[in-house]
Amino acid sequence: MIRTVESQPPASAPVLAAYSYCEAVTGQQARNFAYGIRLLPTPKRRAMSALYAFSRRVDDIGDGPLANDVKVARLEDTRALLTRIRDGAVDEDDTDPVAVALAHAAEHFPIPLGGLDELIDGVQMDTRGETYETWDDLKVYCRCVAGAIGRLSLGVFGTEPGVRGAERASEYADTLGLALQLTNILRDVREDAEGGRTYLPADDLSKFGCSAGFDGPTPPEGSDFAGLVHFEVRRARALFAEGYRLLPLLDRRSGACVAAMAGIYRRLLDRIERDPGAVLRGRVSLPGREKAYVAVRGLSGLDTRHVTRRAVRRRS
């Protein structure tokens, strides 16, 4: 069982300022994520924003225009900062607000900070231009950049005291991260191709005649692009189904947060499934009102009750 602290002693002014900075970063740069974490109580919301801000820094290094050797150096600098945070060597008056906020969060929640090392490892795979022959190969990358985030988040959420199956919570959080990342890969297939990156497994691309890649608004000539997308959608749905078993293990508001974030990506997956070619024409997204509906649905507990009923039927 993973427990967290719901109430904390008042934070100092420098710490509150650091959290405010992280929340601003989250609100500006991660609207899907922000829709979910706004459902959390304040201490958890702040801790999640600190995790996001640090993760965003790592991602921005990997996605930025810097030369690869500079990226590698900056990633190692970030890893060194993470070591300082882990060792309790970041003071409240440190000039880096993300480090201050994350250090405070790690003091009050059992956050497995090694997950951020995994994230850095994953971004380093990007800087090396790695490609993936099989789904098993791609899973290694997805676990670094997304499964690890699920496990880090679980350190903030915690599990309900005495809940059955809590020992598998970390596994479910990891799997849900894989589901979200595969959805991201499908949504961004054209954008990634333009940046010289291919994430979908080479075996899958070959199977559906898409080995030529995606450098335009139309699929490769003679390919079964829709078949490829539907194949990957089925894989993502299976991951969502397994990962959603995390929901009944969480308290109501943490479960609502996870259901909201995952629900937004499941709806993106629905849109991609209905119109596979849309991912080559532009970025598939949800309007704000639909995201708000998903958040309300998560807060109502509908998804959690659905997963719980399904689990009961399996046991009966």
Foldseek 3Di string as FASTA:
>chain_A
DFDFDQDDPDDDPLLVVLLVVLLVCCVVPPVLLNLLLVLHPDLLSSLLSLVVVLLVVLVCLLPDDDQLVVSVVVLVVSVVLLVCLVVVNDDSPDPNSSSNNNSVSVVGFVFPSVLVVLLSVLSNCSSVQDEAADVVRLLSSLLNNFLSSLLRSCRSQPFDPPDPPSVCLSVLSSLLRSLLVLLVCLQQQQVQVVVVHHYPHCNLCVVFVQNVGQPALDGPPPGPQLVSLVVSLVVSVVSNLSSLLNLLGTPLSNSLSSQLSSVQSNVLSVVCNVPVSVSSVDGGHDDPVVSNVSSVCSNVCPSVVVSVVVVVVVVD
